[in-house]
Amino acid sequence: MKSEIKILVTAFSLFISSFAIAQDSESSSETFSPNGKPIVTIYSDFSVENSNGKSNAGFEVTRAYLGYAYNFSENFSAKVVFDVTNTAGLTPSSYTAFLKNAYTEYSTKNIKLNFGMISTTSFKFQESFWGKRYMYKSLQDEYCFESSADLGTSFKWDILPLLSLDLSVFNGEGYKKVQLDSTLKVAAGLTIEPIKNLYGRVYFDYMKNGIAQSTFNVFAGYKASKGLIGAEYNLQNANKMIADRNWSSVSIYGNYSFVKKLSVFGRFDKVTSDVLANTTSGWNSTDGNVYIAGIEYIPVKGIQITPNFRYSDFDNGSNSKSIYLNIGLNL
């Protein structure tokens, strides 16, 4: 299997390199001026939560992305982003900085090639469609089906205006646990817009270290001027390459803007894992349902304010009710 992966990676690299060289890349370089911009994104909230009869309330800055993006030419660019995360659940009142992105990119009209610590492709499209990452992660990210970034390379080809293909090779550990070993994750995705504003996407990845882990997801969504609706299904076999740790999930969400700058939204998540031998419930402790509803207010571009209510009903019998006020800042 190791030799097959090496052959695949080599062939993949040769393919994307030859494809990139064949593109027209410097047609208007005489008029281009190198430029860059800082990246600052901050997520904060105030919450009141009641979980199994116990109440907690407090203010929190959950995350800050700090970095810089630079365009060397019309075709070559680079980005470095640090993810400063609140790790209060592990070490009280502390923040940890992770290298979230550090990559170079080559792009033309129809192709895009990234290399380094890059964003993964498993749920990037869904996260963008959901549009409320500052308030609540997309399903795969929230329940740790996949990591949002990893060391590797990715290639995207816009085959037609309404059809694109992406291929990727990753280390497989994610950006918070970077290590070198013989295991690589290979991934492929196909995105289509058969009619205007109607989107579909299928994705599959595979990695093996003794036990093979495979992930499949499918997404469909419609986005109009006043709102959107989307749904996704995810299936993963042998989570973390552990035999029989199979699970699946469904997420359905919608948004409607009834006046300018103000919209209402709702979301439903369901996670289900297999029942292992000699047990009576799924192996995953967060199996169950999550319901979210709220109002989003965007006073100016770059600021999002969202009061929302969340209810979690877990299969293990526990539940929680929460009221949040989330604020997202994006420079």
C-alpha atoms as a PDB file:
ATOM      1  CA  MET A   1       0.000   0.000   0.000  1.00  0.00           C
ATOM      2  CA  LYS A   2       2.891   2.381   0.775  1.00  0.00           C
ATOM      3  CA  SER A   3       4.356   1.944  -2.709  1.00  0.00           C
ATOM      4  CA  GLU A   4       0.928   2.537  -4.261  1.00  0.00           C
ATOM      5  CA  ILE A   5       0.565   5.789  -2.327  1.00  0.00           C
ATOM      6  CA  LYS A   6       4.050   6.943  -3.403  1.00  0.00           C
ATOM      7  CA  ILE A   7       3.198   6.219  -7.043  1.00  0.00           C
ATOM      8  CA  LEU A   8      -0.106   8.056  -6.680  1.00  0.00           C
ATOM      9  CA  VAL A   9       1.558  11.108  -5.109  1.00  0.00           C
ATOM     10  CA  THR A  10       4.281  11.183  -7.782  1.00  0.00           C
ATOM     11  CA  ALA A  11       1.775  10.870 -10.623  1.00  0.00           C
ATOM     12  CA  PHE A  12      -0.466  13.470  -9.038  1.00  0.00           C
ATOM     13  CA  SER A  13       2.447  15.929  -8.662  1.00  0.00           C
ATOM     14  CA  LEU A  14       3.595  15.418 -12.254  1.00  0.00           C
ATOM     15  CA  PHE A  15       0.061  15.876 -13.531  1.00  0.00           C
ATOM     16  CA  ILE A  16      -0.629  19.135 -11.754  1.00  0.00           C
ATOM     17  CA  SER A  17       2.841  20.486 -12.579  1.00  0.00           C
ATOM     18  CA  SER A  18       2.507  19.786 -16.289  1.00  0.00           C
ATOM     19  CA  PHE A  19      -1.023  21.131 -16.274  1.00  0.00           C
ATOM     20  CA  ALA A  20       0.075  24.378 -14.606  1.00  0.00           C
ATOM     21  CA  ILE A  21       2.967  24.909 -17.005  1.00  0.00           C
ATOM     22  CA  ALA A  22       0.570  24.595 -19.936  1.00  0.00           C
ATOM     23  CA  GLN A  23      -1.529  27.553 -18.774  1.00  0.00           C
ATOM     24  CA  ASP A  24      -1.157  31.167 -19.852  1.00  0.00           C
ATOM     25  CA  SER A  25       0.254  32.684 -16.689  1.00  0.00           C
ATOM     26  CA  GLU A  26       1.956  35.961 -17.480  1.00  0.00           C
ATOM     27  CA  SER A  27      -0.300  37.611 -20.055  1.00  0.00           C
ATOM     28  CA  SER A  28      -0.674  40.920 -18.227  1.00  0.00           C
ATOM     29  CA  SER A  29       2.227  40.879 -15.740  1.00  0.00           C
ATOM     30  CA  GLU A  30       3.464  44.261 -16.987  1.00  0.00           C
ATOM     31  CA  THR A  31       0.534  46.031 -15.309  1.00  0.00           C
ATOM     32  CA  PHE A  32       0.550  44.048 -12.056  1.00  0.00           C
ATOM     33  CA  SER A  33       1.860  45.505  -8.799  1.00  0.00           C
ATOM     34  CA  PRO A  34       2.703  43.130  -5.916  1.00  0.00           C
ATOM     35  CA  ASN A  35       0.401  43.693  -2.955  1.00  0.00           C
ATOM     36  CA  GLY A  36      -0.620  42.232   0.385  1.00  0.00           C
ATOM     37  CA  LYS A  37      -3.103  42.630   3.220  1.00  0.00           C
ATOM     38  CA  PRO A  38      -3.372  41.612   6.886  1.00  0.00           C
ATOM     39  CA  ILE A  39      -5.863  38.969   8.018  1.00  0.00           C
ATOM     40  CA  VAL A  40      -7.743  39.533  11.273  1.00  0.00           C
ATOM     41  CA  THR A  41     -10.795  37.466  12.241  1.00  0.00           C
ATOM     42  CA  ILE A  42     -12.182  37.316  15.791  1.00  0.00           C
ATOM     43  CA  TYR A  43     -15.023  35.240  17.248  1.00  0.00           C
ATOM     44  CA  SER A  44     -16.490  36.132  20.647  1.00  0.00           C
ATOM     45  CA  ASP A  45     -19.684  35.406  22.555  1.00  0.00           C
ATOM     46  CA  PHE A  46     -21.704  35.637  25.726  1.00  0.00           C
ATOM     47  CA  SER A  47     -23.657  32.552  26.738  1.00  0.00           C
ATOM     48  CA  VAL A  48     -26.002  31.214  29.367  1.00  0.00           C
ATOM     49  CA  GLU A  49     -26.108  27.417  29.401  1.00  0.00           C
ATOM     50  CA  ASN A  50     -28.123  24.914  31.379  1.00  0.00           C
ATOM     51  CA  SER A  51     -26.814  21.371  31.116  1.00  0.00           C
ATOM     52  CA  ASN A  52     -28.327  18.522  33.151  1.00  0.00           C
ATOM     53  CA  GLY A  53     -29.638  20.924  35.782  1.00  0.00           C
ATOM     54  CA  LYS A  54     -26.451  23.001  36.127  1.00  0.00           C
ATOM     55  CA  SER A  55     -26.193  26.576  34.827  1.00  0.00           C
ATOM     56  CA  ASN A  56     -23.154  28.478  33.578  1.00  0.00           C
ATOM     57  CA  ALA A  57     -22.790  31.960  32.126  1.00  0.00           C
ATOM     58  CA  GLY A  58     -19.857  33.972  30.838  1.00  0.00           C
ATOM     59  CA  PHE A  59     -18.076  35.969  28.158  1.00  0.00           C
ATOM     60  CA  GLU A  60     -15.556  34.334  25.866  1.00  0.00           C
ATOM     61  CA  VAL A  61     -13.253  35.018  22.938  1.00  0.00           C
ATOM     62  CA  THR A  62     -13.314  31.617  21.300  1.00  0.00           C
ATOM     63  CA  ARG A  63     -10.951  32.206  18.410  1.00  0.00           C
ATOM     64  CA  ALA A  64      -8.765  34.695  16.574  1.00  0.00           C
ATOM     65  CA  TYR A  65      -7.165  34.229  13.160  1.00  0.00           C
ATOM     66  CA  LEU A  66      -4.157  36.487  12.592  1.00  0.00           C
ATOM     67  CA  GLY A  67      -2.075  36.464   9.449  1.00  0.00           C
ATOM     68  CA  TYR A  68      -1.026  38.015   6.170  1.00  0.00           C
ATOM     69  CA  ALA A  69      -1.701  37.310   2.491  1.00  0.00           C
ATOM     70  CA  TYR A  70       0.634  38.489  -0.287  1.00  0.00           C
ATOM     71  CA  ASN A  71       0.340  38.438  -4.085  1.00  0.00           C
ATOM     72  CA  PHE A  72       3.732  38.166  -5.767  1.00  0.00           C
ATOM     73  CA  SER A  73       2.207  38.232  -9.251  1.00  0.00           C
ATOM     74  CA  GLU A  74      -1.120  37.591 -10.953  1.00  0.00           C
ATOM     75  CA  ASN A  75      -0.471  33.858 -10.622  1.00  0.00           C
ATOM     76  CA  PHE A  76       1.639  33.360  -7.493  1.00  0.00           C
ATOM     77  CA  SER A  77       0.583  34.203  -3.939  1.00  0.00           C
ATOM     78  CA  ALA A  78       1.213  33.094  -0.347  1.00  0.00           C
ATOM     79  CA  LYS A  79      -0.643  33.147   2.957  1.00  0.00           C
ATOM     80  CA  VAL A  80       0.315  32.663   6.608  1.00  0.00           C
ATOM     81  CA  VAL A  81      -2.406  32.458   9.292  1.00  0.00           C
ATOM     82  CA  PHE A  82      -2.187  31.633  13.002  1.00  0.00           C
ATOM     83  CA  ASP A  83      -5.203  30.196  14.825  1.00  0.00           C
ATOM     84  CA  VAL A  84      -5.286  31.480  18.411  1.00  0.00           C
ATOM     85  CA  THR A  85      -7.736  29.202  20.199  1.00  0.00           C
ATOM     86  CA  ASN A  86      -9.306  29.308  23.627  1.00  0.00           C
ATOM     87  CA  THR A  87      -8.273  26.072  25.340  1.00  0.00           C
ATOM     88  CA  ALA A  88     -10.044  26.786  28.640  1.00  0.00           C
ATOM     89  CA  GLY A  89     -11.500  23.290  28.608  1.00  0.00           C
ATOM     90  CA  LEU A  90      -7.990  21.865  28.873  1.00  0.00           C
ATOM     91  CA  THR A  91      -6.005  24.539  30.702  1.00  0.00           C
ATOM     92  CA  PRO A  92      -8.065  27.217  32.488  1.00  0.00           C
ATOM     93  CA  SER A  93      -7.869  30.742  31.081  1.00  0.00           C
ATOM     94  CA  SER A  94      -5.264  30.009  28.425  1.00  0.00           C
ATOM     95  CA  TYR A  95      -4.930  30.423  24.663  1.00  0.00           C
ATOM     96  CA  THR A  96      -2.874  28.334  22.288  1.00  0.00           C
ATOM     97  CA  ALA A  97      -1.587  29.455  18.889  1.00  0.00           C
ATOM     98  CA  PHE A  98      -1.506  26.953  16.024  1.00  0.00           C
ATOM     99  CA  LEU A  99      -0.133  27.461  12.527  1.00  0.00           C
ATOM    100  CA  LYS A 100      -3.400  27.211  10.565  1.00  0.00           C
ATOM    101  CA  ASN A 101      -2.162  28.117   7.061  1.00  0.00           C
ATOM    102  CA  ALA A 102       1.280  28.539   5.533  1.00  0.00           C
ATOM    103  CA  TYR A 103       1.228  27.883   1.822  1.00  0.00           C
ATOM    104  CA  THR A 104       2.038  29.078  -1.662  1.00  0.00           C
ATOM    105  CA  GLU A 105      -0.573  29.148  -4.410  1.00  0.00           C
ATOM    106  CA  TYR A 106      -0.408  29.109  -8.167  1.00  0.00           C
ATOM    107  CA  SER A 107      -3.624  30.034  -9.963  1.00  0.00           C
ATOM    108  CA  THR A 108      -4.908  30.832 -13.426  1.00  0.00           C
ATOM    109  CA  LYS A 109      -8.385  31.297 -14.808  1.00  0.00           C
ATOM    110  CA  ASN A 110      -9.244  27.592 -14.582  1.00  0.00           C
ATOM    111  CA  ILE A 111      -6.819  25.988 -12.130  1.00  0.00           C
ATOM    112  CA  LYS A 112      -5.561  26.480  -8.605  1.00  0.00           C
ATOM    113  CA  LEU A 113      -2.644  24.660  -6.981  1.00  0.00           C
ATOM    114  CA  ASN A 114      -1.780  24.945  -3.264  1.00  0.00           C
ATOM    115  CA  PHE A 115       1.200  23.521  -1.390  1.00  0.00           C
ATOM    116  CA  GLY A 116       2.013  23.650   2.336  1.00  0.00           C
ATOM    117  CA  MET A 117      -0.255  23.931   5.373  1.00  0.00           C
ATOM    118  CA  ILE A 118      -3.484  24.321   3.429  1.00  0.00           C
ATOM    119  CA  SER A 119      -7.232  24.216   3.989  1.00  0.00           C
ATOM    120  CA  THR A 120      -8.700  20.767   3.492  1.00  0.00           C
ATOM    121  CA  THR A 121     -11.487  20.230   0.985  1.00  0.00           C
ATOM    122  CA  SER A 122     -13.809  17.925   2.940  1.00  0.00           C
ATOM    123  CA  PHE A 123     -16.159  20.650   4.228  1.00  0.00           C
ATOM    124  CA  LYS A 124     -14.766  23.967   2.979  1.00  0.00           C
ATOM    125  CA  PHE A 125     -17.608  24.391   0.482  1.00  0.00           C
ATOM    126  CA  GLN A 126     -20.287  23.574   3.067  1.00  0.00           C
ATOM    127  CA  GLU A 127     -18.713  25.952   5.611  1.00  0.00           C
ATOM    128  CA  SER A 128     -18.791  28.787   3.084  1.00  0.00           C
ATOM    129  CA  PHE A 129     -22.393  27.971   2.168  1.00  0.00           C
ATOM    130  CA  TRP A 130     -23.465  27.861   5.852  1.00  0.00           C
ATOM    131  CA  GLY A 131     -21.783  31.265   6.311  1.00  0.00           C
ATOM    132  CA  LYS A 132     -21.886  31.314  10.125  1.00  0.00           C
ATOM    133  CA  ARG A 133     -18.594  29.755  11.181  1.00  0.00           C
ATOM    134  CA  TYR A 134     -18.136  32.510  13.783  1.00  0.00           C
ATOM    135  CA  MET A 135     -21.301  31.303  15.498  1.00  0.00           C
ATOM    136  CA  TYR A 136     -21.163  27.511  15.054  1.00  0.00           C
ATOM    137  CA  LYS A 137     -18.878  25.224  13.070  1.00  0.00           C
ATOM    138  CA  SER A 138     -20.110  23.247  10.086  1.00  0.00           C
ATOM    139  CA  LEU A 139     -21.022  19.657  10.938  1.00  0.00           C
ATOM    140  CA  GLN A 140     -17.807  17.825  10.028  1.00  0.00           C
ATOM    141  CA  ASP A 141     -15.697  20.376  11.882  1.00  0.00           C
ATOM    142  CA  GLU A 142     -17.925  20.508  14.978  1.00  0.00           C
ATOM    143  CA  TYR A 143     -17.928  16.741  15.509  1.00  0.00           C
ATOM    144  CA  CYS A 144     -14.332  16.135  14.363  1.00  0.00           C
ATOM    145  CA  PHE A 145     -15.086  14.062  11.277  1.00  0.00           C
ATOM    146  CA  GLU A 146     -12.274  15.950   9.543  1.00  0.00           C
ATOM    147  CA  SER A 147      -9.707  18.680  10.226  1.00  0.00           C
ATOM    148  CA  SER A 148     -10.081  22.088   8.576  1.00  0.00           C
ATOM    149  CA  ALA A 149      -6.378  22.297   7.598  1.00  0.00           C
ATOM    150  CA  ASP A 150      -3.474  19.920   7.037  1.00  0.00           C
ATOM    151  CA  LEU A 151      -0.044  19.648   5.445  1.00  0.00           C
ATOM    152  CA  GLY A 152      -0.299  18.665   1.816  1.00  0.00           C
ATOM    153  CA  THR A 153      -1.101  19.765  -1.699  1.00  0.00           C
ATOM    154  CA  SER A 154      -4.382  20.376  -3.513  1.00  0.00           C
ATOM    155  CA  PHE A 155      -5.364  20.903  -7.110  1.00  0.00           C
ATOM    156  CA  LYS A 156      -8.639  22.409  -8.335  1.00  0.00           C
ATOM    157  CA  TRP A 157      -9.701  22.449 -11.973  1.00  0.00           C
ATOM    158  CA  ASP A 158     -12.745  24.331 -13.232  1.00  0.00           C
ATOM    159  CA  ILE A 159     -13.550  21.923 -16.025  1.00  0.00           C
ATOM    160  CA  LEU A 160     -16.628  23.884 -17.085  1.00  0.00           C
ATOM    161  CA  PRO A 161     -18.181  27.094 -15.723  1.00  0.00           C
ATOM    162  CA  LEU A 162     -20.618  24.910 -13.749  1.00  0.00           C
ATOM    163  CA  LEU A 163     -18.349  21.948 -12.924  1.00  0.00           C
ATOM    164  CA  SER A 164     -15.102  21.699 -10.931  1.00  0.00           C
ATOM    165  CA  LEU A 165     -12.853  18.875  -9.757  1.00  0.00           C
ATOM    166  CA  ASP A 166     -10.494  18.970  -6.754  1.00  0.00           C
ATOM    167  CA  LEU A 167      -7.783  16.429  -5.873  1.00  0.00           C
ATOM    168  CA  SER A 168      -5.707  16.492  -2.691  1.00  0.00           C
ATOM    169  CA  VAL A 169      -2.999  14.620  -0.792  1.00  0.00           C
ATOM    170  CA  PHE A 170      -2.578  15.307   2.948  1.00  0.00           C
ATOM    171  CA  ASN A 171      -0.523  14.043   5.881  1.00  0.00           C
ATOM    172  CA  GLY A 172      -3.826  13.143   7.529  1.00  0.00           C
ATOM    173  CA  GLU A 173      -3.147  14.389  11.081  1.00  0.00           C
ATOM    174  CA  GLY A 174      -4.552  17.920  10.757  1.00  0.00           C
ATOM    175  CA  TYR A 175      -2.904  21.216  11.668  1.00  0.00           C
ATOM    176  CA  LYS A 176      -2.933  20.712  15.464  1.00  0.00           C
ATOM    177  CA  LYS A 177      -0.979  17.455  15.371  1.00  0.00           C
ATOM    178  CA  VAL A 178       1.674  17.643  12.680  1.00  0.00           C
ATOM    179  CA  GLN A 179       3.955  14.642  12.319  1.00  0.00           C
ATOM    180  CA  LEU A 180       5.705  12.682   9.603  1.00  0.00           C
ATOM    181  CA  ASP A 181       4.910   9.013   9.058  1.00  0.00           C
ATOM    182  CA  SER A 182       4.122   6.650   6.202  1.00  0.00           C
ATOM    183  CA  THR A 183       0.387   7.444   6.219  1.00  0.00           C
ATOM    184  CA  LEU A 184      -1.120   9.821   3.683  1.00  0.00           C
ATOM    185  CA  LYS A 185      -4.711  10.793   3.006  1.00  0.00           C
ATOM    186  CA  VAL A 186      -5.862  11.036  -0.615  1.00  0.00           C
ATOM    187  CA  ALA A 187      -9.049  12.944  -1.409  1.00  0.00           C
ATOM    188  CA  ALA A 188     -11.243  13.860  -4.371  1.00  0.00           C
ATOM    189  CA  GLY A 189     -14.280  16.092  -4.711  1.00  0.00           C
ATOM    190  CA  LEU A 190     -16.654  17.151  -7.483  1.00  0.00           C
ATOM    191  CA  THR A 191     -18.771  20.321  -7.331  1.00  0.00           C
ATOM    192  CA  ILE A 192     -21.566  21.126  -9.774  1.00  0.00           C
ATOM    193  CA  GLU A 193     -24.062  23.937 -10.355  1.00  0.00           C
ATOM    194  CA  PRO A 194     -26.545  22.345 -12.794  1.00  0.00           C
ATOM    195  CA  ILE A 195     -28.790  25.407 -12.765  1.00  0.00           C
ATOM    196  CA  LYS A 196     -28.088  28.874 -11.435  1.00  0.00           C
ATOM    197  CA  ASN A 197     -27.868  28.981  -7.604  1.00  0.00           C
ATOM    198  CA  LEU A 198     -28.406  25.222  -7.196  1.00  0.00           C
ATOM    199  CA  TYR A 199     -25.256  23.465  -5.933  1.00  0.00           C
ATOM    200  CA  GLY A 200     -24.233  19.861  -5.454  1.00  0.00           C
ATOM    201  CA  ARG A 201     -21.025  18.304  -4.192  1.00  0.00           C
ATOM    202  CA  VAL A 202     -19.662  14.806  -3.532  1.00  0.00           C
ATOM    203  CA  TYR A 203     -16.401  14.059  -1.725  1.00  0.00           C
ATOM    204  CA  PHE A 204     -14.372  10.987  -0.773  1.00  0.00           C
ATOM    205  CA  ASP A 205     -11.075  10.455   1.050  1.00  0.00           C
ATOM    206  CA  TYR A 206      -9.039   7.431   2.129  1.00  0.00           C
ATOM    207  CA  MET A 207      -6.104   6.743   4.438  1.00  0.00           C
ATOM    208  CA  LYS A 208      -4.680   3.542   5.903  1.00  0.00           C
ATOM    209  CA  ASN A 209      -2.307   2.553   8.667  1.00  0.00           C
ATOM    210  CA  GLY A 210      -3.171  -1.070   9.340  1.00  0.00           C
ATOM    211  CA  ILE A 211      -6.887  -0.169   9.418  1.00  0.00           C
ATOM    212  CA  ALA A 212      -8.300   1.919   6.551  1.00  0.00           C
ATOM    213  CA  GLN A 213     -10.367   5.029   7.270  1.00  0.00           C
ATOM    214  CA  SER A 214     -12.681   6.282   4.532  1.00  0.00           C
ATOM    215  CA  THR A 215     -14.944   9.315   4.474  1.00  0.00           C
ATOM    216  CA  PHE A 216     -17.795  10.084   2.101  1.00  0.00           C
ATOM    217  CA  ASN A 217     -20.061  13.118   2.051  1.00  0.00           C
ATOM    218  CA  VAL A 218     -22.680  14.560  -0.255  1.00  0.00           C
ATOM    219  CA  PHE A 219     -24.158  18.068  -0.197  1.00  0.00           C
ATOM    220  CA  ALA A 220     -26.995  19.861  -1.969  1.00  0.00           C
ATOM    221  CA  GLY A 221     -28.051  23.467  -1.529  1.00  0.00           C
ATOM    222  CA  TYR A 222     -29.944  26.335  -3.105  1.00  0.00           C
ATOM    223  CA  LYS A 223     -29.012  29.987  -2.569  1.00  0.00           C
ATOM    224  CA  ALA A 224     -31.276  32.882  -3.598  1.00  0.00           C
ATOM    225  CA  SER A 225     -31.084  36.638  -3.039  1.00  0.00           C
ATOM    226  CA  LYS A 226     -33.266  36.420   0.082  1.00  0.00           C
ATOM    227  CA  GLY A 227     -32.001  33.206   1.618  1.00  0.00           C
ATOM    228  CA  LEU A 228     -30.631  29.701   1.299  1.00  0.00           C
ATOM    229  CA  ILE A 229     -31.258  26.093   2.234  1.00  0.00           C
ATOM    230  CA  GLY A 230     -28.711  23.295   2.379  1.00  0.00           C
ATOM    231  CA  ALA A 231     -28.346  19.688   3.505  1.00  0.00           C
ATOM    232  CA  GLU A 232     -25.419  17.316   3.830  1.00  0.00           C
ATOM    233  CA  TYR A 233     -24.839  13.669   4.709  1.00  0.00           C
ATOM    234  CA  ASN A 234     -21.537  12.297   6.017  1.00  0.00           C
ATOM    235  CA  LEU A 235     -20.365   8.719   6.481  1.00  0.00           C
ATOM    236  CA  GLN A 236     -17.020   7.701   7.957  1.00  0.00           C
ATOM    237  CA  ASN A 237     -15.745   4.162   8.468  1.00  0.00           C
ATOM    238  CA  ALA A 238     -13.003   3.346  11.011  1.00  0.00           C
ATOM    239  CA  ASN A 239     -12.703   6.787  12.609  1.00  0.00           C
ATOM    240  CA  LYS A 240      -9.058   7.506  13.498  1.00  0.00           C
ATOM    241  CA  MET A 241      -8.250   4.167  11.822  1.00  0.00           C
ATOM    242  CA  ILE A 242      -9.839   2.168  14.643  1.00  0.00           C
ATOM    243  CA  ALA A 243     -11.818  -0.888  13.547  1.00  0.00           C
ATOM    244  CA  ASP A 244     -15.626  -0.758  13.879  1.00  0.00           C
ATOM    245  CA  ARG A 245     -15.699   2.937  14.832  1.00  0.00           C
ATOM    246  CA  ASN A 246     -18.153   3.830  12.071  1.00  0.00           C
ATOM    247  CA  TRP A 247     -20.506   6.789  12.218  1.00  0.00           C
ATOM    248  CA  SER A 248     -22.703   9.050  10.133  1.00  0.00           C
ATOM    249  CA  SER A 249     -24.295  12.472  10.385  1.00  0.00           C
ATOM    250  CA  VAL A 250     -26.883  14.719   8.783  1.00  0.00           C
ATOM    251  CA  SER A 251     -27.060  18.518   8.832  1.00  0.00           C
ATOM    252  CA  ILE A 252     -29.918  20.662   7.460  1.00  0.00           C
ATOM    253  CA  TYR A 253     -29.854  24.459   7.610  1.00  0.00           C
ATOM    254  CA  GLY A 254     -31.624  27.459   6.169  1.00  0.00           C
ATOM    255  CA  ASN A 255     -31.504  31.224   6.250  1.00  0.00           C
ATOM    256  CA  TYR A 256     -33.991  33.916   5.185  1.00  0.00           C
ATOM    257  CA  SER A 257     -33.466  37.687   5.040  1.00  0.00           C
ATOM    258  CA  PHE A 258     -36.782  39.441   5.516  1.00  0.00           C
ATOM    259  CA  VAL A 259     -35.283  42.962   5.693  1.00  0.00           C
ATOM    260  CA  LYS A 260     -31.912  44.407   4.723  1.00  0.00           C
ATOM    261  CA  LYS A 261     -29.120  43.487   7.175  1.00  0.00           C
ATOM    262  CA  LEU A 262     -31.401  41.219   9.211  1.00  0.00           C
ATOM    263  CA  SER A 263     -32.131  37.512   8.728  1.00  0.00           C
ATOM    264  CA  VAL A 264     -33.462  34.492  10.592  1.00  0.00           C
ATOM    265  CA  PHE A 265     -31.921  31.021  10.441  1.00  0.00           C
ATOM    266  CA  GLY A 266     -32.316  27.501  11.718  1.00  0.00           C
ATOM    267  CA  ARG A 267     -30.252  24.333  11.737  1.00  0.00           C
ATOM    268  CA  PHE A 268     -30.629  20.676  12.687  1.00  0.00           C
ATOM    269  CA  ASP A 269     -27.742  18.210  13.207  1.00  0.00           C
ATOM    270  CA  LYS A 270     -27.973  14.482  13.879  1.00  0.00           C
ATOM    271  CA  VAL A 271     -24.995  12.229  14.674  1.00  0.00           C
ATOM    272  CA  THR A 272     -25.210   8.426  14.908  1.00  0.00           C
ATOM    273  CA  SER A 273     -22.429   5.922  15.628  1.00  0.00           C
ATOM    274  CA  ASP A 274     -22.359   2.123  15.518  1.00  0.00           C
ATOM    275  CA  VAL A 275     -23.078   0.095  18.659  1.00  0.00           C
ATOM    276  CA  LEU A 276     -19.988  -1.962  19.470  1.00  0.00           C
ATOM    277  CA  ALA A 277     -19.991  -5.487  20.823  1.00  0.00           C
ATOM    278  CA  ASN A 278     -20.958  -5.817  24.500  1.00  0.00           C
ATOM    279  CA  THR A 279     -22.356  -2.258  24.595  1.00  0.00           C
ATOM    280  CA  THR A 280     -25.853  -0.826  24.438  1.00  0.00           C
ATOM    281  CA  SER A 281     -25.182   2.537  22.780  1.00  0.00           C
ATOM    282  CA  GLY A 282     -23.019   4.072  20.052  1.00  0.00           C
ATOM    283  CA  TRP A 283     -19.290   4.455  20.693  1.00  0.00           C
ATOM    284  CA  ASN A 284     -19.447   8.253  20.131  1.00  0.00           C
ATOM    285  CA  SER A 285     -20.414  10.279  23.218  1.00  0.00           C
ATOM    286  CA  THR A 286     -22.013  13.086  21.193  1.00  0.00           C
ATOM    287  CA  ASP A 287     -24.568  10.938  19.367  1.00  0.00           C
ATOM    288  CA  GLY A 288     -27.895  12.720  19.269  1.00  0.00           C
ATOM    289  CA  ASN A 289     -29.634  15.809  17.931  1.00  0.00           C
ATOM    290  CA  VAL A 290     -28.764  19.506  17.995  1.00  0.00           C
ATOM    291  CA  TYR A 291     -31.258  22.277  17.187  1.00  0.00           C
ATOM    292  CA  ILE A 292     -30.205  25.906  16.565  1.00  0.00           C
ATOM    293  CA  ALA A 293     -32.321  28.977  15.761  1.00  0.00           C
ATOM    294  CA  GLY A 294     -31.463  32.645  15.771  1.00  0.00           C
ATOM    295  CA  ILE A 295     -31.340  36.083  14.195  1.00  0.00           C
ATOM    296  CA  GLU A 296     -28.329  37.519  12.392  1.00  0.00           C
ATOM    297  CA  TYR A 297     -27.734  41.268  12.180  1.00  0.00           C
ATOM    298  CA  ILE A 298     -24.998  42.733   9.964  1.00  0.00           C
ATOM    299  CA  PRO A 299     -24.757  46.472  10.771  1.00  0.00           C
ATOM    300  CA  VAL A 300     -21.728  46.991   8.477  1.00  0.00           C
ATOM    301  CA  LYS A 301     -19.619  44.764   6.285  1.00  0.00           C
ATOM    302  CA  GLY A 302     -17.257  42.682   8.418  1.00  0.00           C
ATOM    303  CA  ILE A 303     -19.352  42.581  11.605  1.00  0.00           C
ATOM    304  CA  GLN A 304     -21.965  39.903  12.378  1.00  0.00           C
ATOM    305  CA  ILE A 305     -24.112  39.889  15.526  1.00  0.00           C
ATOM    306  CA  THR A 306     -26.217  36.846  16.288  1.00  0.00           C
ATOM    307  CA  PRO A 307     -28.460  36.095  19.264  1.00  0.00           C
ATOM    308  CA  ASN A 308     -29.403  32.413  19.085  1.00  0.00           C
ATOM    309  CA  PHE A 309     -30.870  29.487  21.016  1.00  0.00           C
ATOM    310  CA  ARG A 310     -29.431  25.967  21.038  1.00  0.00           C
ATOM    311  CA  TYR A 311     -30.843  22.712  22.318  1.00  0.00           C
ATOM    312  CA  SER A 312     -28.875  19.451  22.426  1.00  0.00           C
ATOM    313  CA  ASP A 313     -30.519  16.100  23.090  1.00  0.00           C
ATOM    314  CA  PHE A 314     -27.932  13.319  23.357  1.00  0.00           C
ATOM    315  CA  ASP A 315     -28.577   9.597  23.091  1.00  0.00           C
ATOM    316  CA  ASN A 316     -26.845   8.999  26.432  1.00  0.00           C
ATOM    317  CA  GLY A 317     -29.736  10.775  28.173  1.00  0.00           C
ATOM    318  CA  SER A 318     -28.080  14.149  28.801  1.00  0.00           C
ATOM    319  CA  ASN A 319     -29.292  17.414  27.304  1.00  0.00           C
ATOM    320  CA  SER A 320     -28.485  21.110  27.342  1.00  0.00           C
ATOM    321  CA  LYS A 321     -30.223  24.404  26.604  1.00  0.00           C
ATOM    322  CA  SER A 322     -28.187  27.500  25.752  1.00  0.00           C
ATOM    323  CA  ILE A 323     -28.731  31.140  24.840  1.00  0.00           C
ATOM    324  CA  TYR A 324     -25.839  32.752  22.970  1.00  0.00           C
ATOM    325  CA  LEU A 325     -24.911  36.178  21.698  1.00  0.00           C
ATOM    326  CA  ASN A 326     -22.206  35.628  19.085  1.00  0.00           C
ATOM    327  CA  ILE A 327     -20.151  38.365  17.426  1.00  0.00           C
ATOM    328  CA  GLY A 328     -17.887  37.877  14.432  1.00  0.00           C
ATOM    329  CA  LEU A 329     -15.318  40.449  13.278  1.00  0.00           C
ATOM    330  CA  ASN A 330     -13.568  40.106   9.945  1.00  0.00           C
ATOM    331  CA  LEU A 331     -11.128  42.739   8.632  1.00  0.00           C
END
